[in-house]
Protein backbone atom coordinates (compact mmCIF):
# COMPACT_ATOMS: atom_id res chain seq x y z
CA MET A 1 -6.21 -6.09 -29.26
CA ASP A 2 -3.22 -4.43 -30.94
CA PHE A 3 -1.32 -2.74 -28.08
CA PHE A 4 -0.58 0.31 -30.21
CA LYS A 5 -4.28 1.17 -30.00
CA TYR A 6 -3.87 1.55 -26.26
CA ILE A 7 -0.85 3.81 -26.71
CA HIS A 8 -2.87 5.89 -29.18
CA ALA A 9 -5.72 6.14 -26.65
CA VAL A 10 -3.50 7.71 -23.99
CA GLY A 11 -0.75 9.39 -25.98
CA THR A 12 -2.28 11.65 -28.63
CA GLY A 13 -3.13 14.66 -26.47
CA PRO A 14 -6.30 16.08 -24.88
CA LYS A 15 -8.31 16.09 -28.13
CA GLY A 16 -7.38 12.57 -29.22
CA ASN A 17 -7.08 10.74 -25.91
CA ARG A 18 -9.88 8.50 -24.69
CA ASP A 19 -10.52 6.33 -21.66
CA LEU A 20 -10.20 2.56 -21.91
CA SER A 21 -13.11 0.31 -21.10
CA PHE A 22 -12.85 -2.26 -18.30
CA GLU A 23 -12.14 -5.05 -20.79
CA GLU A 24 -9.60 -2.95 -22.70
CA ALA A 25 -7.78 -2.09 -19.48
CA LYS A 26 -7.74 -5.74 -18.48
CA ASP A 27 -6.34 -6.76 -21.88
CA MET A 28 -3.78 -3.95 -21.76
CA MET A 29 -2.57 -5.05 -18.33
CA GLN A 30 -2.38 -8.69 -19.37
CA GLN A 31 -0.17 -7.78 -22.33
CA VAL A 32 2.02 -5.62 -20.07
CA LEU A 33 2.35 -8.38 -17.47
CA ASN A 34 3.20 -10.93 -20.15
CA GLN A 35 5.66 -8.45 -21.70
CA SER A 36 4.31 -9.60 -25.04
CA VAL A 37 5.05 -6.12 -26.45
CA PRO A 38 8.40 -4.26 -26.52
CA SER A 39 9.50 -2.55 -23.30
CA GLU A 40 9.53 0.80 -25.13
CA GLN A 41 5.80 0.46 -25.84
CA ILE A 42 5.09 -0.50 -22.23
CA ALA A 43 6.98 2.57 -20.98
CA ALA A 44 5.24 4.81 -23.54
CA PHE A 45 1.83 3.59 -22.45
CA LEU A 46 2.56 3.96 -18.72
CA LEU A 47 3.74 7.53 -19.22
CA GLY A 48 0.75 8.48 -21.39
CA TRP A 49 -1.67 6.73 -19.05
CA ARG A 50 -0.35 8.74 -16.11
CA LEU A 51 -0.65 12.03 -17.98
CA LYS A 52 -4.14 11.34 -19.39
CA PRO A 53 -4.83 10.46 -16.41
CA GLU A 54 -6.05 6.99 -15.36
CA THR A 55 -9.72 6.37 -14.56
CA ASN A 56 -11.14 4.22 -11.77
CA GLU A 57 -12.69 1.89 -14.36
CA GLU A 58 -9.29 1.43 -15.99
CA PHE A 59 -7.75 0.67 -12.61
CA ARG A 60 -10.43 -1.91 -11.90
CA GLY A 61 -9.82 -3.59 -15.23
CA ALA A 62 -6.07 -3.62 -14.62
CA LEU A 63 -6.64 -5.13 -11.18
CA ALA A 64 -8.78 -7.87 -12.69
CA ALA A 65 -5.82 -8.87 -14.88
CA CYS A 66 -3.53 -8.80 -11.86
CA ASP A 67 -5.88 -11.09 -9.93
CA GLU A 68 -5.50 -13.76 -12.59
CA ASN A 69 -1.72 -13.76 -12.11
CA ILE A 70 -1.46 -13.68 -8.31
CA THR A 71 -0.94 -16.81 -6.23
CA LYS A 72 -3.05 -16.26 -3.11
CA SER A 73 -2.72 -17.92 0.31
CA GLU A 74 -5.44 -17.20 2.86
CA VAL A 75 -4.41 -15.93 6.28
CA LYS A 76 -7.36 -15.77 8.66
CA ASN A 77 -7.83 -12.94 11.18
CA SER A 78 -5.60 -10.67 9.14
CA ILE A 79 -5.33 -7.08 7.99
CA GLU A 80 -3.41 -6.29 4.80
CA LEU A 81 -1.05 -3.32 5.09
CA GLY A 82 -0.55 -1.46 1.82
CA TYR A 83 2.92 0.09 1.78
CA PRO A 84 4.35 2.03 -1.17
CA PHE A 85 7.12 0.16 -2.98
CA ASP A 86 9.43 3.18 -3.11
CA GLY A 87 10.05 2.88 0.63
CA LYS A 88 10.49 5.31 3.51
CA ALA A 89 13.29 7.85 3.33
CA LYS A 90 13.10 9.92 6.53
CA ASN A 91 11.64 7.75 9.29
CA PRO A 92 11.98 4.17 10.53
CA TYR A 93 9.26 1.58 10.08
CA ILE A 94 7.10 0.76 13.07
CA PHE A 95 5.26 -2.41 11.96
CA PRO A 96 7.62 -4.85 13.79
CA LEU A 97 6.81 -3.13 17.10
CA VAL A 98 3.11 -2.99 16.25
CA ALA A 99 3.14 -6.74 15.59
CA LYS A 100 4.68 -7.38 19.02
CA VAL A 101 1.89 -5.38 20.66
CA LEU A 102 -0.71 -7.41 18.75
CA GLN A 103 0.73 -10.88 19.37
CA GLU A 104 -1.87 -11.76 22.00
CA HIS A 105 -4.79 -10.06 20.28
CA ASN A 106 -5.57 -12.44 17.40
CA LEU A 107 -4.69 -10.14 14.50
CA ASN A 108 -2.18 -11.03 11.80
CA LEU A 109 -0.39 -8.37 9.76
CA ILE A 110 0.04 -8.96 6.03
CA LEU A 111 3.03 -7.27 4.39
CA ILE A 112 4.09 -7.28 0.75
CA GLY A 113 7.57 -6.50 -0.47
CA ASP A 114 9.67 -6.32 -3.61
CA GLU A 115 12.69 -4.57 -5.03
CA LYS A 116 12.50 -0.77 -4.85
CA GLN A 117 10.26 0.91 -7.42
CA PRO A 118 10.17 4.58 -8.53
CA ALA A 119 10.06 7.31 -7.57
CA LYS A 120 11.36 7.83 -4.02
CA ASP A 121 14.75 6.46 -3.00
CA GLY A 122 13.62 4.99 0.29
CA ILE A 123 14.13 1.93 2.48
CA THR A 124 11.71 -0.80 1.48
CA ILE A 125 9.71 -3.39 3.38
CA LYS A 126 11.93 -6.05 1.78
CA ASP A 127 15.03 -4.27 3.11
CA ILE A 128 13.64 -4.41 6.66
CA VAL A 129 12.37 -7.98 6.72
CA SER A 130 15.70 -9.24 5.42
CA LYS A 131 17.43 -7.75 8.48
CA ILE A 132 15.12 -8.61 11.38
CA GLU A 133 13.38 -11.62 12.88
CA LEU A 134 9.63 -11.41 12.32
CA THR A 135 7.08 -12.26 14.98
CA SER A 136 4.67 -15.10 14.24
CA ASN A 137 1.79 -12.73 13.47
CA ILE A 138 3.64 -11.04 10.60
CA HIS A 139 3.08 -12.78 7.27
CA TYR A 140 5.43 -11.46 4.61
CA PHE A 141 4.71 -12.10 0.94
CA ASP A 142 7.48 -11.44 -1.56
CA ARG A 143 6.12 -10.30 -4.92
CA GLU A 144 8.86 -12.13 -6.78
CA ILE A 145 7.11 -15.32 -5.63
CA PHE A 146 3.38 -14.57 -5.53
CA PHE A 147 3.22 -12.12 -8.48
CA ASN A 148 6.34 -12.71 -10.51
CA LYS A 149 5.05 -11.03 -13.67
CA LEU A 150 4.76 -7.64 -11.96
CA HIS A 151 8.10 -8.18 -10.24
CA LYS A 152 9.72 -8.69 -13.64
CA LEU A 153 8.61 -5.20 -14.71
CA THR A 154 10.92 -3.64 -12.10
CA ASP A 155 13.68 -2.93 -14.62
CA ILE A 156 11.32 -1.14 -17.04
CA ARG A 157 9.82 0.91 -14.22
CA ASN A 158 13.21 1.93 -12.84
CA LYS A 159 14.43 2.96 -16.27
CA LEU A 160 11.32 5.11 -16.68
CA GLY A 161 12.02 6.52 -13.21
CA LEU A 162 8.55 7.99 -12.65
CA ARG A 163 5.41 7.12 -10.75
CA THR A 164 2.91 5.23 -12.90
CA GLY A 165 -0.53 3.71 -12.50
CA PHE A 166 1.16 0.71 -10.91
CA ASN A 167 1.92 2.80 -7.81
CA THR A 168 -1.80 3.16 -7.18
CA ILE A 169 -2.99 -0.39 -7.76
CA GLU A 170 -0.10 -2.48 -6.48
CA LYS A 171 -0.24 -1.77 -2.74
CA LEU A 172 -3.22 -4.01 -1.87
CA PRO A 173 -3.10 -7.15 -4.06
CA GLY A 174 -5.31 -9.22 -1.75
CA VAL A 175 -2.68 -11.95 -1.58
CA ALA A 176 -3.81 -13.24 1.83
CA GLN A 177 -7.54 -12.87 1.14
CA SER A 178 -7.82 -10.62 4.20
CA GLN A 179 -11.18 -9.17 5.15
CA TYR A 180 -9.59 -5.88 6.19
CA ALA A 181 -7.03 -3.61 4.57
CA ILE A 182 -5.40 -0.24 5.17
CA THR A 183 -3.15 1.90 3.02
CA GLY A 184 -1.75 5.40 3.22
CA VAL A 185 -2.87 8.43 1.23
CA PHE A 186 -1.36 11.89 0.91
CA HIS A 187 -4.45 13.76 -0.24
CA LYS A 188 -8.18 13.44 0.54
CA PRO A 189 -9.28 13.04 -3.13
CA TYR A 190 -7.49 9.68 -3.17
CA VAL A 191 -9.87 8.41 -0.49
CA LYS A 192 -12.79 8.34 -2.91
CA LYS A 193 -10.57 6.97 -5.67
CA TYR A 194 -9.34 4.03 -3.58
CA ALA A 195 -12.85 3.40 -2.28
CA GLU A 196 -14.15 3.05 -5.83
CA ILE A 197 -11.18 1.07 -7.16
CA LEU A 198 -11.19 -1.44 -4.28
CA LYS A 199 -14.96 -1.69 -3.84
CA GLY A 200 -16.01 -5.26 -3.05
CA ARG A 201 -12.47 -6.55 -2.55
CA TYR A 202 -12.50 -6.33 1.26
CA LYS A 203 -15.09 -6.32 4.03
CA LYS A 204 -13.68 -2.97 5.19
CA ILE A 205 -11.04 -0.69 3.70
CA ALA A 206 -9.28 2.05 5.63
CA LEU A 207 -7.24 4.96 4.30
CA ILE A 208 -4.94 6.96 6.56
CA GLN A 209 -2.77 10.06 6.29
CA GLY A 210 0.21 7.94 7.20
CA ASN A 211 3.90 8.73 7.48
CA GLU A 212 5.48 9.03 4.01
CA GLY A 213 2.40 7.53 2.37
CA THR A 214 2.48 4.38 4.52
CA PRO A 215 -0.28 2.93 6.74
CA GLU A 216 1.75 4.02 9.78
CA LEU A 217 0.54 6.98 11.85
CA PHE A 218 3.35 9.15 13.27
CA SER A 219 1.55 12.46 13.81
CA LYS A 220 -1.93 13.99 13.82
CA GLY A 221 -3.87 12.83 10.78
CA ARG A 222 -7.13 11.52 9.41
CA LEU A 223 -8.44 7.98 9.11
CA TRP A 224 -11.20 7.11 6.66
CA MET A 225 -13.18 3.89 7.07
CA VAL A 226 -14.93 2.67 3.92
CA ASP A 227 -17.89 0.32 4.27
CA GLY A 228 -19.60 -0.12 0.91
CA ASP A 229 -20.77 3.31 -0.22
CA ASP A 230 -20.37 4.80 3.26
CA THR A 231 -17.15 6.54 4.35
CA GLN A 232 -16.55 7.77 7.89
CA GLU A 233 -13.74 10.14 8.84
CA TYR A 234 -11.85 10.16 12.14
CA ILE A 235 -9.14 12.52 13.35
CA ILE A 236 -6.35 10.84 15.31
CA ASP A 237 -3.97 12.94 17.39
CA PRO A 238 -1.18 11.05 19.19
CA GLU A 239 -1.03 13.83 21.79
CA HIS A 240 -4.60 12.91 22.79
CA PHE A 241 -3.12 9.55 23.87
CA GLY A 242 -0.19 11.15 25.70
CA ILE A 243 2.29 10.51 22.88
CA HIS A 244 4.85 13.17 21.97
CA TYR A 245 6.95 11.48 19.31
CA LYS A 246 8.83 13.84 17.00
CA LYS A 247 9.15 12.51 13.47
CA SER A 248 12.34 13.03 11.51
CA TRP A 249 12.81 15.32 8.52
CA GLU A 250 16.29 14.02 7.73
CA GLN A 251 17.36 11.16 5.46
CA ILE A 252 17.63 7.88 7.34
CA THR A 253 19.85 4.87 6.62
CA LEU A 254 18.83 1.23 6.82
CA GLU A 255 21.20 0.82 9.78
CA ASP A 256 19.54 3.70 11.64
CA SER A 257 16.10 2.30 10.92
CA ILE A 258 17.04 -1.13 12.30
CA ALA A 259 18.72 0.43 15.34
CA GLN A 260 15.56 2.35 16.26
CA LEU A 261 13.54 -0.86 16.03
CA GLN A 262 15.99 -2.76 18.21
CA ASN A 263 16.29 0.02 20.81
CA PRO A 264 13.01 1.94 20.63
CA SER A 265 12.35 4.98 22.77
CA ASN A 266 9.40 5.02 25.15
CA GLU A 267 7.55 7.43 22.86
CA TYR A 268 8.14 5.15 19.89
CA LEU A 269 6.74 2.19 21.82
CA LYS A 270 3.65 4.22 22.74
CA LEU A 271 3.28 5.16 19.08
CA ALA A 272 3.40 1.47 18.18
CA ARG A 273 0.61 0.84 20.68
CA LEU A 274 -1.52 3.57 19.05
CA ASN A 275 -0.99 2.09 15.58
CA ALA A 276 -1.92 -1.33 16.94
CA ALA A 277 -5.12 0.18 18.37
CA VAL A 278 -5.97 1.66 14.97
CA TYR A 279 -5.58 -1.74 13.31
CA LEU A 280 -7.75 -3.44 15.96
CA PHE A 281 -10.44 -0.81 15.39
CA ILE A 282 -10.33 -1.31 11.62
CA ALA A 283 -10.61 -5.09 12.12
CA GLN A 284 -13.73 -4.49 14.23
CA LYS A 285 -12.24 -5.99 17.38
CA HIS A 286 -13.07 -2.84 19.36
CA ASN A 287 -15.70 -0.12 19.05
CA SER A 288 -13.26 2.76 19.08
CA ILE A 289 -9.53 3.51 18.86
CA GLU A 290 -9.62 4.75 22.45
CA GLU A 291 -11.15 1.47 23.64
CA ALA A 292 -8.56 -0.55 21.74
CA PHE A 293 -5.70 1.62 23.08
CA GLU A 294 -6.83 1.00 26.66
CA ALA A 295 -7.18 -2.74 26.02
CA LEU A 296 -3.55 -2.86 24.92
CA ASP A 297 -2.26 -1.36 28.18
């Protein structure tokens, strides 16, 4: 279909805008990924789509187009971790320490990285993995390799400088064909949205109020477990597990982030153990987070 029709659908205002069908959204995304239309039209659509705003059906159609352009490599006994591509700005990552805790517990961590995307100026997964040695149970997938078409849109996205629909659908591409997945959410309404968008793509999906929108728990928050049409909510308080880690509110550098991973405090190590217990619970290896936390002692 003529791409301008999609721009018209999202960019003419409340009275003229309309939602795209599944097939239209899939065709739109395919044209965007192929960059078969001018970059100005791609940017115009992404901005209008965000303001309209996007529907779950449109997201599902866009994901279907993405699936046809992703090179997948199955990793058994794995959980896919959906990190935002704009990075973390105020706290270090904890996944390398979590992976060490899980090395003897038959659970692989799937991480996806790329160049930094809008809108936060944070430290990315790719920044971290380029500076540290990964344990054998971390499987890192670089988007430049497994989904090059989306990677090539980085320049357009950075010139636009705003969050777009990509920020919602890009975090869990299913590259390792994992049965389990977890991603971070800021607000509860996104739980239902992600549950509907990702329905049928994983055996179980988990959403967590993670640090800076990541699947990493640093303070008291909620975990939602999605199983088909059923969603269960859990409250996780690190203090309940004897953890008193104080998260940072200051800007952090890549060097500081690496230093904290290489010389972690006792509280940070205990926090890594709690995150590992959460992942084991999601992957159905234990009946509760408390049981998993004790098993990791």
